[in-house]
Amino acid sequence: MARDVLCEVNSCKYWAPGNECHAKSIYVVNNRNKQATDSAETDCKTFEPKL
């Protein structure tokens, strides 16, 4: 399991300085209802906007 999760989406509430993700878990899904063949075909469902 990955120990260091990096994220550049600084509008996410789990984003931290150094592009670290501080979410307890990460949930990534296919975004086109088919088997993903590259990262552009995936979405992070863990994302929550900063308020």
N, C-alpha and C. Protein backbone atom coordinates (compact mmCIF):
# COMPACT_ATOMS: atom_id res chain seq x y z
N MET A 1 0.84 -1.17 0.00
CA MET A 1 0.00 0.00 0.00
C MET A 1 0.89 1.24 0.00
N ALA A 2 0.47 2.25 -0.73
CA ALA A 2 1.24 3.50 -0.79
C ALA A 2 1.23 4.19 0.57
N ARG A 3 2.37 4.68 0.97
CA ARG A 3 2.46 5.42 2.23
C ARG A 3 2.41 6.92 1.98
N ASP A 4 2.96 7.35 0.88
CA ASP A 4 2.97 8.77 0.53
C ASP A 4 2.05 8.97 -0.66
N VAL A 5 1.01 9.75 -0.47
CA VAL A 5 0.08 10.06 -1.56
C VAL A 5 0.24 11.54 -1.87
N LEU A 6 0.60 11.83 -3.10
CA LEU A 6 0.80 13.22 -3.52
C LEU A 6 -0.41 13.70 -4.30
N CYS A 7 -0.75 14.96 -4.12
CA CYS A 7 -1.90 15.55 -4.80
C CYS A 7 -1.62 17.03 -5.05
N GLU A 8 -1.88 17.49 -6.26
CA GLU A 8 -1.67 18.89 -6.60
C GLU A 8 -2.97 19.69 -6.60
N VAL A 9 -4.07 19.08 -6.17
CA VAL A 9 -5.38 19.75 -6.19
C VAL A 9 -5.54 20.53 -4.88
N ASN A 10 -5.01 21.75 -4.85
CA ASN A 10 -5.02 22.51 -3.61
C ASN A 10 -6.38 23.07 -3.24
N SER A 11 -7.40 22.82 -4.05
CA SER A 11 -8.76 23.21 -3.70
C SER A 11 -9.48 22.08 -2.94
N CYS A 12 -8.80 20.97 -2.69
CA CYS A 12 -9.36 19.84 -1.96
C CYS A 12 -9.08 20.02 -0.46
N LYS A 13 -10.05 19.68 0.38
CA LYS A 13 -9.87 19.85 1.82
C LYS A 13 -8.79 18.94 2.39
N TYR A 14 -8.41 17.89 1.67
CA TYR A 14 -7.37 16.97 2.15
C TYR A 14 -5.96 17.36 1.69
N TRP A 15 -5.87 18.37 0.85
CA TRP A 15 -4.57 18.81 0.35
C TRP A 15 -3.80 19.48 1.49
N ALA A 16 -2.48 19.25 1.53
CA ALA A 16 -1.61 19.88 2.52
C ALA A 16 -0.34 20.37 1.82
N PRO A 17 0.36 21.34 2.42
CA PRO A 17 1.60 21.83 1.82
C PRO A 17 2.55 20.69 1.47
N GLY A 18 3.26 20.87 0.39
CA GLY A 18 4.14 19.82 -0.12
C GLY A 18 3.39 18.86 -1.02
N ASN A 19 2.16 19.26 -1.41
CA ASN A 19 1.29 18.43 -2.26
C ASN A 19 1.01 17.07 -1.64
N GLU A 20 0.82 17.04 -0.33
CA GLU A 20 0.48 15.81 0.36
C GLU A 20 -1.03 15.68 0.50
N CYS A 21 -1.51 14.46 0.46
CA CYS A 21 -2.92 14.17 0.69
C CYS A 21 -3.07 13.63 2.10
N HIS A 22 -3.93 14.26 2.90
CA HIS A 22 -4.13 13.84 4.29
C HIS A 22 -5.44 13.10 4.50
N ALA A 23 -6.02 12.57 3.43
CA ALA A 23 -7.24 11.76 3.57
C ALA A 23 -6.90 10.44 4.24
N LYS A 24 -7.85 9.90 5.00
CA LYS A 24 -7.66 8.62 5.68
C LYS A 24 -7.57 7.47 4.68
N SER A 25 -8.31 7.58 3.59
CA SER A 25 -8.27 6.58 2.52
C SER A 25 -8.51 7.29 1.19
N ILE A 26 -8.17 6.63 0.10
CA ILE A 26 -8.31 7.19 -1.24
C ILE A 26 -9.20 6.27 -2.06
N TYR A 27 -10.15 6.85 -2.79
CA TYR A 27 -11.07 6.08 -3.62
C TYR A 27 -10.99 6.62 -5.05
N VAL A 28 -10.48 5.80 -5.97
CA VAL A 28 -10.32 6.19 -7.37
C VAL A 28 -11.17 5.25 -8.23
N VAL A 29 -11.89 5.83 -9.21
CA VAL A 29 -12.79 5.05 -10.07
C VAL A 29 -12.52 5.34 -11.54
N ASN A 30 -13.01 4.45 -12.41
CA ASN A 30 -13.02 4.72 -13.85
C ASN A 30 -14.00 5.86 -14.09
N ASN A 31 -13.69 6.77 -14.98
CA ASN A 31 -14.61 7.89 -15.21
C ASN A 31 -15.42 7.76 -16.49
N ARG A 32 -15.27 6.70 -17.22
CA ARG A 32 -16.01 6.56 -18.48
C ARG A 32 -16.74 5.23 -18.58
N ASN A 33 -17.04 4.63 -17.43
CA ASN A 33 -17.76 3.35 -17.39
C ASN A 33 -17.11 2.27 -18.24
N LYS A 34 -15.80 2.29 -18.32
CA LYS A 34 -15.06 1.25 -19.02
C LYS A 34 -13.72 1.07 -18.31
N GLN A 35 -13.00 0.06 -18.68
CA GLN A 35 -11.69 -0.18 -18.08
C GLN A 35 -10.74 0.96 -18.43
N ALA A 36 -10.15 1.60 -17.44
CA ALA A 36 -9.22 2.69 -17.68
C ALA A 36 -7.93 2.17 -18.30
N THR A 37 -7.40 2.93 -19.25
CA THR A 37 -6.12 2.58 -19.86
C THR A 37 -5.04 3.61 -19.56
N ASP A 38 -5.42 4.76 -18.97
CA ASP A 38 -4.44 5.75 -18.53
C ASP A 38 -5.07 6.61 -17.43
N SER A 39 -4.27 7.42 -16.79
CA SER A 39 -4.74 8.20 -15.64
C SER A 39 -5.83 9.20 -16.00
N ALA A 40 -5.87 9.66 -17.25
CA ALA A 40 -6.91 10.60 -17.68
C ALA A 40 -8.30 9.97 -17.64
N GLU A 41 -8.36 8.67 -17.58
CA GLU A 41 -9.65 7.97 -17.56
C GLU A 41 -10.06 7.56 -16.14
N THR A 42 -9.46 8.19 -15.15
CA THR A 42 -9.80 7.90 -13.76
C THR A 42 -10.20 9.18 -13.03
N ASP A 43 -10.93 9.03 -11.93
CA ASP A 43 -11.35 10.15 -11.09
C ASP A 43 -11.11 9.81 -9.62
N CYS A 44 -10.70 10.80 -8.85
CA CYS A 44 -10.54 10.63 -7.42
C CYS A 44 -11.87 10.99 -6.74
N LYS A 45 -12.54 10.01 -6.19
CA LYS A 45 -13.82 10.24 -5.50
C LYS A 45 -13.60 10.71 -4.06
N THR A 46 -12.36 10.76 -3.61
CA THR A 46 -12.05 11.23 -2.27
C THR A 46 -12.14 12.75 -2.20
N PHE A 47 -12.01 13.41 -3.34
CA PHE A 47 -12.00 14.88 -3.39
C PHE A 47 -13.22 15.48 -2.70
N GLU A 48 -12.96 16.46 -1.83
CA GLU A 48 -14.00 17.29 -1.25
C GLU A 48 -13.48 18.72 -1.29
N PRO A 49 -14.28 19.64 -1.80
CA PRO A 49 -13.79 21.01 -1.91
C PRO A 49 -13.57 21.65 -0.54
N LYS A 50 -12.56 22.54 -0.49
CA LYS A 50 -12.34 23.32 0.72
C LYS A 50 -13.50 24.30 0.84
N LEU A 51 -13.95 24.52 2.03
CA LEU A 51 -15.05 25.48 2.24
C LEU A 51 -14.56 26.80 2.72
